[in-house]
Amino acid sequence: MKPQVLVLESIHPAGMARLSRSCEVRVSLETPRARLLELVREVSAIVVRSVTQVDRELIDRAAELRAIGRAGTGTDNIDAAYAAQRGVEMITVPDGNAVSVAEFTVLQILALCRNAYAIADAVKAGDFRRDLYQGVELSAQTVGIIGVGRIGQLVARRLHSFGCRLIGFDINAALRPRVAELGIMWSDSSEDLLREADIVTLHVPKTPQTTGMIGPRELGLMKRGARLINTSRGGIIVEAALLKAVQRGQIVGASIDVLADEPPFHTPPEAVTYTNPLLGHSRIVITPHCAASTEEAQRAIGLQLAEALLRVFEATTRRAARRRAVTARR
């Protein structure tokens, strides 16, 4: 009997095709919670991205669950510790989208420096007064990178060619030699970095320690007129505090790809009821958690995730065969 895989958030067709050759695959996007708890009862694996909450209740309902596939890196929407306790393997794809997220981050930094989104909106409205949207050169800025792991380092490598000054902070001090090799000045604290940087970009996982790490106090430490980018996880920035900081001019522009509470991503706009005060401010750019949304990244993630799930199923089958052989010899 083929393993049953329930895909709750979309992955690339190449990954779906690979899974379908060896598994029974069912797709159910943005499923209501009550229905979801019924669907998982007999599945061997579930595939999610960043929205579906895989908590104890769901894991307990999935009596046959062998693996949880996360099409991406972070697992803040998954109770990974409980899954491990239950013997359910947690699969992530940490490298598949790193380049895409880094490129998107640089795009947003440049767009904020040159007021690109505001200019485009103004021109569409018939306003060609270019002097209202004078920007700054990236080469003249100090860019602070909070979180200089895999993606933070890729961002730094790309920014280095612009000639801007780079400073970085990470709770993992072992990264310091690697950071130095990339031409990033090490900051001893995130607070020092916030005080010094003209532009701050966040590349940290969502943990109890990082949730709300950029709040009223931290925003107050930043230079007046600084810019802020978050392509990591929603909830890292206290959104109400960010709105106030932009309103008073402390932050001159922000680009936010991830929100603490995100709307459904597969539902047409006329069917979505979603409000967020950040959406109403002209100097805050909101994008729909799309930093990793490139053909290359999604294909790589889909294929790597599919292969990893198949390896889990093969290992499970081998263990079951060994147990049967031992029982037969007895």
C-alpha atoms as a PDB file:
ATOM      1  CA  MET A   1       0.000   0.000   0.000  1.00  0.00           C
ATOM      2  CA  LYS A   2       1.370   3.389  -1.007  1.00  0.00           C
ATOM      3  CA  PRO A   3       2.056   6.020   1.679  1.00  0.00           C
ATOM      4  CA  GLN A   4      -0.592   8.740   1.860  1.00  0.00           C
ATOM      5  CA  VAL A   5       0.648  12.340   1.682  1.00  0.00           C
ATOM      6  CA  LEU A   6      -1.628  15.276   2.478  1.00  0.00           C
ATOM      7  CA  VAL A   7      -0.457  18.567   0.957  1.00  0.00           C
ATOM      8  CA  LEU A   8      -1.944  21.460   2.933  1.00  0.00           C
ATOM      9  CA  GLU A   9       0.039  24.283   1.326  1.00  0.00           C
ATOM     10  CA  SER A  10       1.133  24.309  -2.291  1.00  0.00           C
ATOM     11  CA  ILE A  11       4.526  23.090  -3.462  1.00  0.00           C
ATOM     12  CA  HIS A  12       6.062  23.159  -6.935  1.00  0.00           C
ATOM     13  CA  PRO A  13       4.522  20.796  -9.522  1.00  0.00           C
ATOM     14  CA  ALA A  14       7.882  19.034  -9.876  1.00  0.00           C
ATOM     15  CA  GLY A  15       7.753  18.064  -6.207  1.00  0.00           C
ATOM     16  CA  MET A  16       4.124  16.991  -6.540  1.00  0.00           C
ATOM     17  CA  ALA A  17       4.966  14.840  -9.556  1.00  0.00           C
ATOM     18  CA  ARG A  18       7.843  13.173  -7.722  1.00  0.00           C
ATOM     19  CA  LEU A  19       5.646  12.352  -4.738  1.00  0.00           C
ATOM     20  CA  SER A  20       2.790  11.141  -6.929  1.00  0.00           C
ATOM     21  CA  ARG A  21       4.956   8.481  -8.567  1.00  0.00           C
ATOM     22  CA  SER A  22       5.398   6.665  -5.248  1.00  0.00           C
ATOM     23  CA  CYS A  23       2.614   7.958  -2.982  1.00  0.00           C
ATOM     24  CA  GLU A  24      -1.084   8.676  -2.881  1.00  0.00           C
ATOM     25  CA  VAL A  25      -1.137  12.474  -2.814  1.00  0.00           C
ATOM     26  CA  ARG A  26      -4.095  14.563  -1.766  1.00  0.00           C
ATOM     27  CA  VAL A  27      -4.180  18.370  -1.911  1.00  0.00           C
ATOM     28  CA  SER A  28      -6.352  20.378   0.460  1.00  0.00           C
ATOM     29  CA  LEU A  29      -5.440  24.063   0.617  1.00  0.00           C
ATOM     30  CA  GLU A  30      -6.652  26.425   3.355  1.00  0.00           C
ATOM     31  CA  THR A  31      -8.738  23.715   4.947  1.00  0.00           C
ATOM     32  CA  PRO A  32     -10.997  24.637   7.883  1.00  0.00           C
ATOM     33  CA  ARG A  33      -9.635  23.298  11.146  1.00  0.00           C
ATOM     34  CA  ALA A  34     -12.445  20.835  11.830  1.00  0.00           C
ATOM     35  CA  ARG A  35     -12.118  19.326   8.361  1.00  0.00           C
ATOM     36  CA  LEU A  36      -8.325  19.227   8.665  1.00  0.00           C
ATOM     37  CA  LEU A  37      -8.516  17.158  11.845  1.00  0.00           C
ATOM     38  CA  GLU A  38     -10.561  14.591   9.929  1.00  0.00           C
ATOM     39  CA  LEU A  39      -8.307  14.519   6.868  1.00  0.00           C
ATOM     40  CA  VAL A  40      -5.112  13.719   8.783  1.00  0.00           C
ATOM     41  CA  ARG A  41      -6.386  10.560  10.492  1.00  0.00           C
ATOM     42  CA  GLU A  42      -4.761   8.052   8.139  1.00  0.00           C
ATOM     43  CA  VAL A  43      -2.026  10.025   6.375  1.00  0.00           C
ATOM     44  CA  SER A  44       1.637   9.028   6.413  1.00  0.00           C
ATOM     45  CA  ALA A  45       2.894  12.591   5.947  1.00  0.00           C
ATOM     46  CA  ILE A  46       1.656  16.141   5.759  1.00  0.00           C
ATOM     47  CA  VAL A  47       3.242  18.947   3.772  1.00  0.00           C
ATOM     48  CA  VAL A  48       2.948  22.552   4.948  1.00  0.00           C
ATOM     49  CA  ARG A  49       4.646  25.886   4.489  1.00  0.00           C
ATOM     50  CA  SER A  50       4.300  28.731   6.983  1.00  0.00           C
ATOM     51  CA  VAL A  51       0.569  29.069   7.652  1.00  0.00           C
ATOM     52  CA  THR A  52      -0.863  25.723   8.781  1.00  0.00           C
ATOM     53  CA  GLN A  53      -0.540  25.194  12.532  1.00  0.00           C
ATOM     54  CA  VAL A  54       0.710  21.683  13.183  1.00  0.00           C
ATOM     55  CA  ASP A  55       0.105  21.421  16.919  1.00  0.00           C
ATOM     56  CA  ARG A  56      -0.327  18.566  19.395  1.00  0.00           C
ATOM     57  CA  GLU A  57      -3.991  18.111  18.596  1.00  0.00           C
ATOM     58  CA  LEU A  58      -3.339  17.674  14.903  1.00  0.00           C
ATOM     59  CA  ILE A  59      -0.354  15.370  15.462  1.00  0.00           C
ATOM     60  CA  ASP A  60      -2.386  13.210  17.841  1.00  0.00           C
ATOM     61  CA  ARG A  61      -5.219  12.912  15.319  1.00  0.00           C
ATOM     62  CA  ALA A  62      -2.760  11.680  12.669  1.00  0.00           C
ATOM     63  CA  ALA A  63      -2.278   8.205  14.093  1.00  0.00           C
ATOM     64  CA  GLU A  64      -0.293   6.958  11.056  1.00  0.00           C
ATOM     65  CA  LEU A  65       1.873  10.050  10.714  1.00  0.00           C
ATOM     66  CA  ARG A  66       5.525   9.343   9.950  1.00  0.00           C
ATOM     67  CA  ALA A  67       6.753  12.740   8.741  1.00  0.00           C
ATOM     68  CA  ILE A  68       5.946  16.434   8.605  1.00  0.00           C
ATOM     69  CA  GLY A  69       7.377  18.158   5.551  1.00  0.00           C
ATOM     70  CA  ARG A  70       7.957  21.891   5.830  1.00  0.00           C
ATOM     71  CA  ALA A  71       8.481  23.425   2.385  1.00  0.00           C
ATOM     72  CA  GLY A  72      11.014  25.940   3.623  1.00  0.00           C
ATOM     73  CA  THR A  73      13.115  26.630   6.695  1.00  0.00           C
ATOM     74  CA  GLY A  74      11.270  27.838   9.772  1.00  0.00           C
ATOM     75  CA  THR A  75       9.222  25.552  11.998  1.00  0.00           C
ATOM     76  CA  ASP A  76       7.541  28.109  14.259  1.00  0.00           C
ATOM     77  CA  ASN A  77       4.125  26.906  13.041  1.00  0.00           C
ATOM     78  CA  ILE A  78       4.954  23.301  14.008  1.00  0.00           C
ATOM     79  CA  ASP A  79       5.297  21.698  17.431  1.00  0.00           C
ATOM     80  CA  ALA A  80       8.521  19.995  16.392  1.00  0.00           C
ATOM     81  CA  ALA A  81       9.378  18.881  19.921  1.00  0.00           C
ATOM     82  CA  TYR A  82       6.097  17.028  20.305  1.00  0.00           C
ATOM     83  CA  ALA A  83       6.441  15.530  16.837  1.00  0.00           C
ATOM     84  CA  ALA A  84       9.847  14.145  17.821  1.00  0.00           C
ATOM     85  CA  GLN A  85       8.366  12.787  21.037  1.00  0.00           C
ATOM     86  CA  ARG A  86       5.772  10.961  18.951  1.00  0.00           C
ATOM     87  CA  GLY A  87       8.460   9.569  16.649  1.00  0.00           C
ATOM     88  CA  VAL A  88       7.385  11.765  13.721  1.00  0.00           C
ATOM     89  CA  GLU A  89      10.269  12.958  11.581  1.00  0.00           C
ATOM     90  CA  MET A  90      10.517  16.694  10.915  1.00  0.00           C
ATOM     91  CA  ILE A  91      11.766  17.581   7.436  1.00  0.00           C
ATOM     92  CA  THR A  92      12.792  21.078   6.375  1.00  0.00           C
ATOM     93  CA  VAL A  93      14.533  22.408   3.277  1.00  0.00           C
ATOM     94  CA  PRO A  94      16.972  24.995   4.636  1.00  0.00           C
ATOM     95  CA  ASP A  95      18.916  25.773   1.457  1.00  0.00           C
ATOM     96  CA  GLY A  96      16.296  25.779  -1.264  1.00  0.00           C
ATOM     97  CA  ASN A  97      15.130  29.385  -0.974  1.00  0.00           C
ATOM     98  CA  ALA A  98      18.154  31.180   0.503  1.00  0.00           C
ATOM     99  CA  VAL A  99      19.285  32.873  -2.716  1.00  0.00           C
ATOM    100  CA  SER A 100      15.760  34.006  -3.595  1.00  0.00           C
ATOM    101  CA  VAL A 101      15.197  35.531  -0.145  1.00  0.00           C
ATOM    102  CA  ALA A 102      18.580  37.289  -0.295  1.00  0.00           C
ATOM    103  CA  GLU A 103      17.848  38.740  -3.734  1.00  0.00           C
ATOM    104  CA  PHE A 104      14.390  39.902  -2.651  1.00  0.00           C
ATOM    105  CA  THR A 105      15.903  41.567   0.422  1.00  0.00           C
ATOM    106  CA  VAL A 106      18.344  43.542  -1.725  1.00  0.00           C
ATOM    107  CA  LEU A 107      15.465  44.512  -4.022  1.00  0.00           C
ATOM    108  CA  GLN A 108      13.525  45.898  -1.063  1.00  0.00           C
ATOM    109  CA  ILE A 109      16.540  47.769   0.295  1.00  0.00           C
ATOM    110  CA  LEU A 110      17.080  49.471  -3.057  1.00  0.00           C
ATOM    111  CA  ALA A 111      13.367  50.208  -3.447  1.00  0.00           C
ATOM    112  CA  LEU A 112      13.251  51.886  -0.022  1.00  0.00           C
ATOM    113  CA  CYS A 113      16.377  53.922  -0.727  1.00  0.00           C
ATOM    114  CA  ARG A 114      14.907  55.261  -3.963  1.00  0.00           C
ATOM    115  CA  ASN A 115      11.208  55.425  -2.937  1.00  0.00           C
ATOM    116  CA  ALA A 116      10.467  53.180  -5.901  1.00  0.00           C
ATOM    117  CA  TYR A 117       7.025  52.011  -4.815  1.00  0.00           C
ATOM    118  CA  ALA A 118       5.817  55.502  -3.889  1.00  0.00           C
ATOM    119  CA  ILE A 119       7.076  56.901  -7.200  1.00  0.00           C
ATOM    120  CA  ALA A 120       5.319  54.189  -9.211  1.00  0.00           C
ATOM    121  CA  ASP A 121       2.046  54.772  -7.343  1.00  0.00           C
ATOM    122  CA  ALA A 122       2.313  58.537  -7.844  1.00  0.00           C
ATOM    123  CA  VAL A 123       2.896  58.240 -11.577  1.00  0.00           C
ATOM    124  CA  LYS A 124      -0.077  55.881 -11.935  1.00  0.00           C
ATOM    125  CA  ALA A 125      -2.132  58.610 -10.274  1.00  0.00           C
ATOM    126  CA  GLY A 126      -0.804  61.181 -12.764  1.00  0.00           C
ATOM    127  CA  ASP A 127       1.687  62.827 -10.389  1.00  0.00           C
ATOM    128  CA  PHE A 128       5.091  63.365 -12.041  1.00  0.00           C
ATOM    129  CA  ARG A 129       6.601  65.671  -9.405  1.00  0.00           C
ATOM    130  CA  ARG A 130       9.890  63.810  -9.116  1.00  0.00           C
ATOM    131  CA  ASP A 131      11.391  66.207  -6.559  1.00  0.00           C
ATOM    132  CA  LEU A 132       8.917  64.923  -3.955  1.00  0.00           C
ATOM    133  CA  TYR A 133      10.553  61.503  -4.005  1.00  0.00           C
ATOM    134  CA  GLN A 134      14.269  62.185  -3.775  1.00  0.00           C
ATOM    135  CA  GLY A 135      16.082  59.121  -2.479  1.00  0.00           C
ATOM    136  CA  VAL A 136      19.496  58.202  -1.099  1.00  0.00           C
ATOM    137  CA  GLU A 137      22.378  56.227  -2.547  1.00  0.00           C
ATOM    138  CA  LEU A 138      22.832  52.778  -1.091  1.00  0.00           C
ATOM    139  CA  SER A 139      26.588  53.241  -1.361  1.00  0.00           C
ATOM    140  CA  ALA A 140      26.397  55.987   1.274  1.00  0.00           C
ATOM    141  CA  GLN A 141      24.455  53.898   3.808  1.00  0.00           C
ATOM    142  CA  THR A 142      25.414  51.702   6.731  1.00  0.00           C
ATOM    143  CA  VAL A 143      23.417  48.483   6.511  1.00  0.00           C
ATOM    144  CA  GLY A 144      22.908  46.468   9.673  1.00  0.00           C
ATOM    145  CA  ILE A 145      22.176  42.758   9.287  1.00  0.00           C
ATOM    146  CA  ILE A 146      20.596  41.121  12.332  1.00  0.00           C
ATOM    147  CA  GLY A 147      21.101  37.406  11.846  1.00  0.00           C
ATOM    148  CA  VAL A 148      24.201  36.632   9.784  1.00  0.00           C
ATOM    149  CA  GLY A 149      23.538  32.976   9.118  1.00  0.00           C
ATOM    150  CA  ARG A 150      23.003  31.514   5.668  1.00  0.00           C
ATOM    151  CA  ILE A 151      20.631  34.160   4.271  1.00  0.00           C
ATOM    152  CA  GLY A 152      22.226  37.083   6.088  1.00  0.00           C
ATOM    153  CA  GLN A 153      25.580  36.166   4.586  1.00  0.00           C
ATOM    154  CA  LEU A 154      24.100  35.940   1.088  1.00  0.00           C
ATOM    155  CA  VAL A 155      22.577  39.393   1.558  1.00  0.00           C
ATOM    156  CA  ALA A 156      25.960  40.746   2.678  1.00  0.00           C
ATOM    157  CA  ARG A 157      27.757  39.280  -0.327  1.00  0.00           C
ATOM    158  CA  ARG A 158      25.316  41.010  -2.655  1.00  0.00           C
ATOM    159  CA  LEU A 159      25.379  44.327  -0.814  1.00  0.00           C
ATOM    160  CA  HIS A 160      29.165  44.375  -0.724  1.00  0.00           C
ATOM    161  CA  SER A 161      29.302  45.249  -4.436  1.00  0.00           C
ATOM    162  CA  PHE A 162      27.322  48.451  -3.788  1.00  0.00           C
ATOM    163  CA  GLY A 163      30.090  49.802  -1.579  1.00  0.00           C
ATOM    164  CA  CYS A 164      27.911  50.320   1.486  1.00  0.00           C
ATOM    165  CA  ARG A 165      29.245  49.753   4.979  1.00  0.00           C
ATOM    166  CA  LEU A 166      28.049  46.515   6.541  1.00  0.00           C
ATOM    167  CA  ILE A 167      27.640  45.664  10.205  1.00  0.00           C
ATOM    168  CA  GLY A 168      26.214  42.456  11.584  1.00  0.00           C
ATOM    169  CA  PHE A 169      24.967  40.879  14.783  1.00  0.00           C
ATOM    170  CA  ASP A 170      24.111  37.290  15.634  1.00  0.00           C
ATOM    171  CA  ILE A 171      23.627  35.462  18.912  1.00  0.00           C
ATOM    172  CA  ASN A 172      25.972  32.795  17.516  1.00  0.00           C
ATOM    173  CA  ALA A 173      29.387  34.325  18.207  1.00  0.00           C
ATOM    174  CA  ALA A 174      31.040  31.429  16.340  1.00  0.00           C
ATOM    175  CA  LEU A 175      29.984  33.179  13.118  1.00  0.00           C
ATOM    176  CA  ARG A 176      32.299  36.108  13.824  1.00  0.00           C
ATOM    177  CA  PRO A 177      35.292  34.862  11.748  1.00  0.00           C
ATOM    178  CA  ARG A 178      33.047  34.112   8.771  1.00  0.00           C
ATOM    179  CA  VAL A 179      31.424  37.522   9.094  1.00  0.00           C
ATOM    180  CA  ALA A 180      34.839  39.181   9.026  1.00  0.00           C
ATOM    181  CA  GLU A 181      35.729  37.307   5.830  1.00  0.00           C
ATOM    182  CA  LEU A 182      32.654  38.819   4.182  1.00  0.00           C
ATOM    183  CA  GLY A 183      33.699  42.345   5.107  1.00  0.00           C
ATOM    184  CA  ILE A 184      31.029  42.750   7.782  1.00  0.00           C
ATOM    185  CA  MET A 185      31.929  44.612  10.950  1.00  0.00           C
ATOM    186  CA  TRP A 186      30.805  42.622  13.990  1.00  0.00           C
ATOM    187  CA  SER A 187      28.474  44.377  16.427  1.00  0.00           C
ATOM    188  CA  ASP A 188      28.573  43.207  20.039  1.00  0.00           C
ATOM    189  CA  SER A 189      24.836  43.719  20.480  1.00  0.00           C
ATOM    190  CA  SER A 190      21.703  44.244  18.449  1.00  0.00           C
ATOM    191  CA  GLU A 191      21.185  47.526  20.308  1.00  0.00           C
ATOM    192  CA  ASP A 192      24.541  48.881  19.122  1.00  0.00           C
ATOM    193  CA  LEU A 193      23.695  47.841  15.567  1.00  0.00           C
ATOM    194  CA  LEU A 194      20.311  49.565  15.708  1.00  0.00           C
ATOM    195  CA  ARG A 195      21.933  52.809  16.852  1.00  0.00           C
ATOM    196  CA  GLU A 196      24.525  52.762  14.083  1.00  0.00           C
ATOM    197  CA  ALA A 197      22.701  51.514  10.992  1.00  0.00           C
ATOM    198  CA  ASP A 198      20.861  53.585   8.404  1.00  0.00           C
ATOM    199  CA  ILE A 199      19.150  50.437   7.121  1.00  0.00           C
ATOM    200  CA  VAL A 200      18.351  47.357   9.210  1.00  0.00           C
ATOM    201  CA  THR A 201      17.449  44.000   7.683  1.00  0.00           C
ATOM    202  CA  LEU A 202      16.269  41.039   9.765  1.00  0.00           C
ATOM    203  CA  HIS A 203      17.232  37.421   9.102  1.00  0.00           C
ATOM    204  CA  VAL A 204      16.402  35.486  12.248  1.00  0.00           C
ATOM    205  CA  PRO A 205      14.183  32.483  12.998  1.00  0.00           C
ATOM    206  CA  LYS A 206      11.070  32.956  15.077  1.00  0.00           C
ATOM    207  CA  THR A 207      11.753  31.731  18.600  1.00  0.00           C
ATOM    208  CA  PRO A 208      10.632  32.842  22.064  1.00  0.00           C
ATOM    209  CA  GLN A 209      13.782  34.983  22.159  1.00  0.00           C
ATOM    210  CA  THR A 210      13.231  36.715  18.801  1.00  0.00           C
ATOM    211  CA  THR A 211       9.455  37.193  18.968  1.00  0.00           C
ATOM    212  CA  GLY A 212       8.858  40.910  19.462  1.00  0.00           C
ATOM    213  CA  MET A 213      12.595  41.625  19.479  1.00  0.00           C
ATOM    214  CA  ILE A 214      12.026  44.859  17.500  1.00  0.00           C
ATOM    215  CA  GLY A 215       9.571  46.736  19.692  1.00  0.00           C
ATOM    216  CA  PRO A 216       9.071  50.322  20.886  1.00  0.00           C
ATOM    217  CA  ARG A 217      12.405  50.476  22.706  1.00  0.00           C
ATOM    218  CA  GLU A 218      14.414  49.040  19.822  1.00  0.00           C
ATOM    219  CA  LEU A 219      12.721  51.237  17.219  1.00  0.00           C
ATOM    220  CA  GLY A 220      13.498  54.218  19.445  1.00  0.00           C
ATOM    221  CA  LEU A 221      17.178  53.302  19.368  1.00  0.00           C
ATOM    222  CA  MET A 222      17.312  53.525  15.574  1.00  0.00           C
ATOM    223  CA  LYS A 223      18.481  56.631  13.753  1.00  0.00           C
ATOM    224  CA  ARG A 224      15.768  59.069  12.867  1.00  0.00           C
ATOM    225  CA  GLY A 225      15.044  58.453   9.195  1.00  0.00           C
ATOM    226  CA  ALA A 226      16.265  54.842   9.233  1.00  0.00           C
ATOM    227  CA  ARG A 227      14.796  52.128   7.051  1.00  0.00           C
ATOM    228  CA  LEU A 228      13.723  48.634   8.155  1.00  0.00           C
ATOM    229  CA  ILE A 229      13.278  45.381   6.213  1.00  0.00           C
ATOM    230  CA  ASN A 230      11.879  42.071   7.443  1.00  0.00           C
ATOM    231  CA  THR A 231      11.909  39.021   5.177  1.00  0.00           C
ATOM    232  CA  SER A 232      12.373  36.518   8.006  1.00  0.00           C
ATOM    233  CA  ARG A 233       9.292  35.805  10.145  1.00  0.00           C
ATOM    234  CA  GLY A 234       6.163  37.616  11.207  1.00  0.00           C
ATOM    235  CA  GLY A 235       6.068  38.581  14.852  1.00  0.00           C
ATOM    236  CA  ILE A 236       9.746  39.569  15.027  1.00  0.00           C
ATOM    237  CA  ILE A 237       8.632  43.204  14.787  1.00  0.00           C
ATOM    238  CA  VAL A 238       5.907  44.593  17.040  1.00  0.00           C
ATOM    239  CA  GLU A 239       3.669  45.925  14.287  1.00  0.00           C
ATOM    240  CA  ALA A 240       1.819  48.561  16.342  1.00  0.00           C
ATOM    241  CA  ALA A 241       5.171  49.983  17.443  1.00  0.00           C
ATOM    242  CA  LEU A 242       6.437  50.053  13.859  1.00  0.00           C
ATOM    243  CA  LEU A 243       3.375  51.985  12.708  1.00  0.00           C
ATOM    244  CA  LYS A 244       3.923  54.602  15.405  1.00  0.00           C
ATOM    245  CA  ALA A 245       7.628  54.857  14.566  1.00  0.00           C
ATOM    246  CA  VAL A 246       6.818  55.497  10.896  1.00  0.00           C
ATOM    247  CA  GLN A 247       4.087  57.980  11.747  1.00  0.00           C
ATOM    248  CA  ARG A 248       6.445  60.091  13.836  1.00  0.00           C
ATOM    249  CA  GLY A 249       9.254  59.895  11.259  1.00  0.00           C
ATOM    250  CA  GLN A 250      11.620  57.790  13.330  1.00  0.00           C
ATOM    251  CA  ILE A 251      11.474  55.185  10.563  1.00  0.00           C
ATOM    252  CA  VAL A 252      11.252  56.753   7.115  1.00  0.00           C
ATOM    253  CA  GLY A 253      10.366  53.549   5.323  1.00  0.00           C
ATOM    254  CA  ALA A 254       9.759  49.870   6.008  1.00  0.00           C
ATOM    255  CA  SER A 255       9.395  46.807   3.829  1.00  0.00           C
ATOM    256  CA  ILE A 256       7.605  43.904   5.493  1.00  0.00           C
ATOM    257  CA  ASP A 257       7.179  40.564   3.725  1.00  0.00           C
ATOM    258  CA  VAL A 258       5.983  38.651   6.793  1.00  0.00           C
ATOM    259  CA  LEU A 259       3.213  39.568   9.215  1.00  0.00           C
ATOM    260  CA  ALA A 260       2.327  38.293  12.676  1.00  0.00           C
ATOM    261  CA  ASP A 261      -1.152  37.348  11.442  1.00  0.00           C
ATOM    262  CA  GLU A 262      -1.218  36.592   7.738  1.00  0.00           C
ATOM    263  CA  PRO A 263      -4.224  36.327   5.415  1.00  0.00           C
ATOM    264  CA  PRO A 264      -4.914  33.236   3.291  1.00  0.00           C
ATOM    265  CA  PHE A 265      -2.652  33.149   0.265  1.00  0.00           C
ATOM    266  CA  HIS A 266      -4.761  31.109  -2.153  1.00  0.00           C
ATOM    267  CA  THR A 267      -8.101  32.884  -1.793  1.00  0.00           C
ATOM    268  CA  PRO A 268      -9.214  35.587  -4.268  1.00  0.00           C
ATOM    269  CA  PRO A 269      -9.354  39.069  -2.715  1.00  0.00           C
ATOM    270  CA  GLU A 270     -13.132  39.371  -2.914  1.00  0.00           C
ATOM    271  CA  ALA A 271     -13.420  36.372  -0.571  1.00  0.00           C
ATOM    272  CA  VAL A 272     -10.866  37.567   1.985  1.00  0.00           C
ATOM    273  CA  THR A 273     -11.682  39.637   5.047  1.00  0.00           C
ATOM    274  CA  TYR A 274      -8.368  40.897   6.385  1.00  0.00           C
ATOM    275  CA  THR A 275      -7.293  44.119   8.009  1.00  0.00           C
ATOM    276  CA  ASN A 276      -3.927  45.308   9.232  1.00  0.00           C
ATOM    277  CA  PRO A 277      -3.118  48.928  10.134  1.00  0.00           C
ATOM    278  CA  LEU A 278       0.247  48.664   8.385  1.00  0.00           C
ATOM    279  CA  LEU A 279      -1.510  48.325   5.030  1.00  0.00           C
ATOM    280  CA  GLY A 280      -2.787  51.880   5.222  1.00  0.00           C
ATOM    281  CA  HIS A 281       0.535  53.691   5.490  1.00  0.00           C
ATOM    282  CA  SER A 282       2.250  54.926   2.324  1.00  0.00           C
ATOM    283  CA  ARG A 283       5.757  54.491   3.731  1.00  0.00           C
ATOM    284  CA  ILE A 284       5.244  50.857   4.728  1.00  0.00           C
ATOM    285  CA  VAL A 285       5.496  48.352   1.885  1.00  0.00           C
ATOM    286  CA  ILE A 286       3.722  45.056   2.573  1.00  0.00           C
ATOM    287  CA  THR A 287       4.308  42.022   0.368  1.00  0.00           C
ATOM    288  CA  PRO A 288       2.562  38.616   0.703  1.00  0.00           C
ATOM    289  CA  HIS A 289       5.323  36.451   2.198  1.00  0.00           C
ATOM    290  CA  CYS A 290       6.800  36.094  -1.276  1.00  0.00           C
ATOM    291  CA  ALA A 291      10.555  36.526  -0.759  1.00  0.00           C
ATOM    292  CA  ALA A 292      11.094  32.867  -1.633  1.00  0.00           C
ATOM    293  CA  SER A 293       8.606  32.874  -4.504  1.00  0.00           C
ATOM    294  CA  THR A 294      10.814  32.215  -7.502  1.00  0.00           C
ATOM    295  CA  GLU A 295      10.626  29.366  -9.979  1.00  0.00           C
ATOM    296  CA  GLU A 296      14.105  28.185  -9.030  1.00  0.00           C
ATOM    297  CA  ALA A 297      13.562  28.243  -5.280  1.00  0.00           C
ATOM    298  CA  GLN A 298      10.156  26.600  -5.324  1.00  0.00           C
ATOM    299  CA  ARG A 299      11.263  23.875  -7.703  1.00  0.00           C
ATOM    300  CA  ALA A 300      14.317  23.105  -5.557  1.00  0.00           C
ATOM    301  CA  ILE A 301      12.250  23.091  -2.371  1.00  0.00           C
ATOM    302  CA  GLY A 302       9.558  20.864  -3.866  1.00  0.00           C
ATOM    303  CA  LEU A 303      12.009  18.294  -5.212  1.00  0.00           C
ATOM    304  CA  GLN A 304      14.217  18.237  -2.108  1.00  0.00           C
ATOM    305  CA  LEU A 305      11.190  17.870   0.142  1.00  0.00           C
ATOM    306  CA  ALA A 306       9.745  15.062  -1.980  1.00  0.00           C
ATOM    307  CA  GLU A 307      13.018  13.140  -1.979  1.00  0.00           C
ATOM    308  CA  ALA A 308      13.381  13.543   1.780  1.00  0.00           C
ATOM    309  CA  LEU A 309       9.859  12.248   2.398  1.00  0.00           C
ATOM    310  CA  LEU A 310      10.457   9.268   0.140  1.00  0.00           C
ATOM    311  CA  ARG A 311      13.622   8.435   2.080  1.00  0.00           C
ATOM    312  CA  VAL A 312      11.587   8.413   5.297  1.00  0.00           C
ATOM    313  CA  PHE A 313       9.023   6.045   3.770  1.00  0.00           C
ATOM    314  CA  GLU A 314      11.756   3.751   2.420  1.00  0.00           C
ATOM    315  CA  ALA A 315      13.464   3.634   5.826  1.00  0.00           C
ATOM    316  CA  THR A 316      10.161   2.863   7.519  1.00  0.00           C
ATOM    317  CA  THR A 317       9.475   0.064   5.041  1.00  0.00           C
ATOM    318  CA  ARG A 318      12.930  -1.436   5.638  1.00  0.00           C
ATOM    319  CA  ARG A 319      12.473  -1.364   9.406  1.00  0.00           C
ATOM    320  CA  ALA A 320       9.079  -3.036   9.107  1.00  0.00           C
ATOM    321  CA  ALA A 321      10.572  -5.738   6.876  1.00  0.00           C
ATOM    322  CA  ARG A 322      13.338  -6.401   9.380  1.00  0.00           C
ATOM    323  CA  ARG A 323      10.813  -6.708  12.189  1.00  0.00           C
ATOM    324  CA  ARG A 324       8.768  -9.183  10.162  1.00  0.00           C
ATOM    325  CA  ALA A 325      11.878 -11.218   9.403  1.00  0.00           C
ATOM    326  CA  VAL A 326      12.837 -11.360  13.075  1.00  0.00           C
ATOM    327  CA  THR A 327       9.302 -12.407  14.015  1.00  0.00           C
ATOM    328  CA  ALA A 328       9.289 -15.136  11.339  1.00  0.00           C
ATOM    329  CA  ARG A 329      12.597 -16.591  12.603  1.00  0.00           C
ATOM    330  CA  ARG A 330      11.159 -16.842  16.071  1.00  0.00           C
END
